[in-house]
Amino acid sequence: MQPKSNGICVKKLGLDFRRAYSLRAVARGGENAVDDTNELVTRLSTAAGIIMEDSSPIAISQLPTAPDELEARLSELEQATRDATILLQAARVLARRDIR
């Protein structure tokens, strides 16, 4: 799926992902483990939100009448939904398991 977002999404992505996060602290259970886990959950949730934001213009635009084009549009939306769901499931696992 090609992103359909404006520059705001690119800016958000740059702000959310510009810092490198150390997962070693999580594995060692260091004092920053909770912060690192929370940051990772936030990053995963943000990525899912960006996918949803990129897909919303496709979802609300007029559907094509040609069967092949309609199938392609629906497949694109379905894939975006799966991708966002997988990211949110990963965030939920991290939050639920309290991995440090």
C-alpha atoms as a PDB file:
ATOM      1  CA  MET A   1       0.000   0.000   0.000  1.00  0.00           C
ATOM      2  CA  GLN A   2       1.353   3.386  -0.931  1.00  0.00           C
ATOM      3  CA  PRO A   3       1.019   5.926   1.877  1.00  0.00           C
ATOM      4  CA  LYS A   4      -1.632   8.521   1.122  1.00  0.00           C
ATOM      5  CA  SER A   5      -0.735  10.760   4.036  1.00  0.00           C
ATOM      6  CA  ASN A   6       0.308  14.331   3.984  1.00  0.00           C
ATOM      7  CA  GLY A   7       3.535  15.660   5.481  1.00  0.00           C
ATOM      8  CA  ILE A   8       2.061  15.563   8.971  1.00  0.00           C
ATOM      9  CA  CYS A   9       2.335  11.769   9.085  1.00  0.00           C
ATOM     10  CA  VAL A  10       5.916  11.907   7.924  1.00  0.00           C
ATOM     11  CA  LYS A  11       6.648  14.446  10.619  1.00  0.00           C
ATOM     12  CA  LYS A  12       4.914  12.297  13.271  1.00  0.00           C
ATOM     13  CA  LEU A  13       6.852   9.251  12.129  1.00  0.00           C
ATOM     14  CA  GLY A  14      10.124  11.160  12.382  1.00  0.00           C
ATOM     15  CA  LEU A  15       9.302  12.342  15.891  1.00  0.00           C
ATOM     16  CA  ASP A  16       8.162   8.950  17.104  1.00  0.00           C
ATOM     17  CA  PHE A  17      11.003   6.923  15.653  1.00  0.00           C
ATOM     18  CA  ARG A  18      13.999   9.242  15.676  1.00  0.00           C
ATOM     19  CA  ARG A  19      15.456   7.901  18.947  1.00  0.00           C
ATOM     20  CA  ALA A  20      17.026   4.442  19.110  1.00  0.00           C
ATOM     21  CA  TYR A  21      15.593   2.372  21.926  1.00  0.00           C
ATOM     22  CA  SER A  22      17.662  -0.172  23.792  1.00  0.00           C
ATOM     23  CA  LEU A  23      15.856  -3.452  24.234  1.00  0.00           C
ATOM     24  CA  ARG A  24      18.873  -4.801  26.107  1.00  0.00           C
ATOM     25  CA  ALA A  25      17.663  -2.890  29.161  1.00  0.00           C
ATOM     26  CA  VAL A  26      14.333  -4.687  28.867  1.00  0.00           C
ATOM     27  CA  ALA A  27      16.044  -8.075  28.627  1.00  0.00           C
ATOM     28  CA  ARG A  28      18.282  -7.328  31.629  1.00  0.00           C
ATOM     29  CA  GLY A  29      15.461  -5.888  33.699  1.00  0.00           C
ATOM     30  CA  GLY A  30      17.322  -2.628  34.191  1.00  0.00           C
ATOM     31  CA  GLU A  31      15.786   0.443  35.746  1.00  0.00           C
ATOM     32  CA  ASN A  32      14.770   1.712  32.309  1.00  0.00           C
ATOM     33  CA  ALA A  33      12.988  -1.538  31.430  1.00  0.00           C
ATOM     34  CA  VAL A  34       9.499  -0.196  32.131  1.00  0.00           C
ATOM     35  CA  ASP A  35      10.187   2.977  30.170  1.00  0.00           C
ATOM     36  CA  ASP A  36      11.603   0.967  27.258  1.00  0.00           C
ATOM     37  CA  THR A  37       8.587  -1.348  27.237  1.00  0.00           C
ATOM     38  CA  ASN A  38       6.214   1.608  27.342  1.00  0.00           C
ATOM     39  CA  GLU A  39       8.116   3.284  24.529  1.00  0.00           C
ATOM     40  CA  LEU A  40       7.933   0.141  22.411  1.00  0.00           C
ATOM     41  CA  VAL A  41       4.199  -0.200  23.056  1.00  0.00           C
ATOM     42  CA  THR A  42       3.820   3.451  22.069  1.00  0.00           C
ATOM     43  CA  ARG A  43       5.862   2.954  18.891  1.00  0.00           C
ATOM     44  CA  LEU A  44       3.813  -0.089  17.867  1.00  0.00           C
ATOM     45  CA  SER A  45       0.537   1.710  18.573  1.00  0.00           C
ATOM     46  CA  THR A  46       1.705   4.765  16.667  1.00  0.00           C
ATOM     47  CA  ALA A  47       2.681   2.659  13.659  1.00  0.00           C
ATOM     48  CA  ALA A  48      -0.776   1.042  13.693  1.00  0.00           C
ATOM     49  CA  GLY A  49      -2.382   4.486  13.874  1.00  0.00           C
ATOM     50  CA  ILE A  50      -0.354   5.707  10.912  1.00  0.00           C
ATOM     51  CA  ILE A  51      -1.461   2.694   8.867  1.00  0.00           C
ATOM     52  CA  MET A  52      -5.081   3.425   9.744  1.00  0.00           C
ATOM     53  CA  GLU A  53      -4.645   7.101   8.913  1.00  0.00           C
ATOM     54  CA  ASP A  54      -3.072   6.233   5.560  1.00  0.00           C
ATOM     55  CA  SER A  55      -5.946   3.849   4.779  1.00  0.00           C
ATOM     56  CA  SER A  56      -8.819   6.120   5.736  1.00  0.00           C
ATOM     57  CA  PRO A  57      -8.905   8.085   2.436  1.00  0.00           C
ATOM     58  CA  ILE A  58      -9.086   4.777   0.568  1.00  0.00           C
ATOM     59  CA  ALA A  59     -11.908   3.544   2.789  1.00  0.00           C
ATOM     60  CA  ILE A  60     -14.057   6.649   2.464  1.00  0.00           C
ATOM     61  CA  SER A  61     -13.489   7.356  -1.217  1.00  0.00           C
ATOM     62  CA  GLN A  62     -15.967   6.277  -3.840  1.00  0.00           C
ATOM     63  CA  LEU A  63     -15.632   2.594  -4.613  1.00  0.00           C
ATOM     64  CA  PRO A  64     -14.813   1.635  -8.180  1.00  0.00           C
ATOM     65  CA  THR A  65     -17.508  -0.125 -10.173  1.00  0.00           C
ATOM     66  CA  ALA A  66     -15.203  -2.424 -12.123  1.00  0.00           C
ATOM     67  CA  PRO A  67     -14.969  -5.776 -10.298  1.00  0.00           C
ATOM     68  CA  ASP A  68     -11.168  -6.023 -10.613  1.00  0.00           C
ATOM     69  CA  GLU A  69     -10.633  -2.518  -9.268  1.00  0.00           C
ATOM     70  CA  LEU A  70     -13.089  -3.106  -6.440  1.00  0.00           C
ATOM     71  CA  GLU A  71     -11.311  -6.331  -5.479  1.00  0.00           C
ATOM     72  CA  ALA A  72      -7.939  -4.548  -5.498  1.00  0.00           C
ATOM     73  CA  ARG A  73      -9.270  -1.723  -3.307  1.00  0.00           C
ATOM     74  CA  LEU A  74     -10.816  -4.132  -0.803  1.00  0.00           C
ATOM     75  CA  SER A  75      -7.642  -6.232  -0.713  1.00  0.00           C
ATOM     76  CA  GLU A  76      -5.593  -3.133   0.013  1.00  0.00           C
ATOM     77  CA  LEU A  77      -7.880  -2.176   2.892  1.00  0.00           C
ATOM     78  CA  GLU A  78      -7.905  -5.719   4.211  1.00  0.00           C
ATOM     79  CA  GLN A  79      -4.090  -5.861   4.228  1.00  0.00           C
ATOM     80  CA  ALA A  80      -3.842  -2.516   6.019  1.00  0.00           C
ATOM     81  CA  THR A  81      -6.306  -3.772   8.628  1.00  0.00           C
ATOM     82  CA  ARG A  82      -4.291  -6.957   9.143  1.00  0.00           C
ATOM     83  CA  ASP A  83      -1.039  -5.019   9.469  1.00  0.00           C
ATOM     84  CA  ALA A  84      -2.493  -2.593  12.027  1.00  0.00           C
ATOM     85  CA  THR A  85      -4.055  -5.478  13.967  1.00  0.00           C
ATOM     86  CA  ILE A  86      -0.753  -7.362  14.147  1.00  0.00           C
ATOM     87  CA  LEU A  87       1.039  -4.283  15.474  1.00  0.00           C
ATOM     88  CA  LEU A  88      -1.657  -3.713  18.100  1.00  0.00           C
ATOM     89  CA  GLN A  89      -1.580  -7.384  19.114  1.00  0.00           C
ATOM     90  CA  ALA A  90       2.181  -7.139  19.625  1.00  0.00           C
ATOM     91  CA  ALA A  91       1.709  -4.004  21.742  1.00  0.00           C
ATOM     92  CA  ARG A  92      -0.947  -5.789  23.813  1.00  0.00           C
ATOM     93  CA  VAL A  93       1.361  -8.768  24.438  1.00  0.00           C
ATOM     94  CA  LEU A  94       4.143  -6.493  25.647  1.00  0.00           C
ATOM     95  CA  ALA A  95       1.784  -4.565  27.906  1.00  0.00           C
ATOM     96  CA  ARG A  96       0.104  -7.689  29.272  1.00  0.00           C
ATOM     97  CA  ARG A  97       3.284  -9.671  29.875  1.00  0.00           C
ATOM     98  CA  ASP A  98       5.066  -6.740  31.536  1.00  0.00           C
ATOM     99  CA  ILE A  99       8.307  -7.858  29.891  1.00  0.00           C
ATOM    100  CA  ARG A 100      11.426  -6.504  31.567  1.00  0.00           C
END
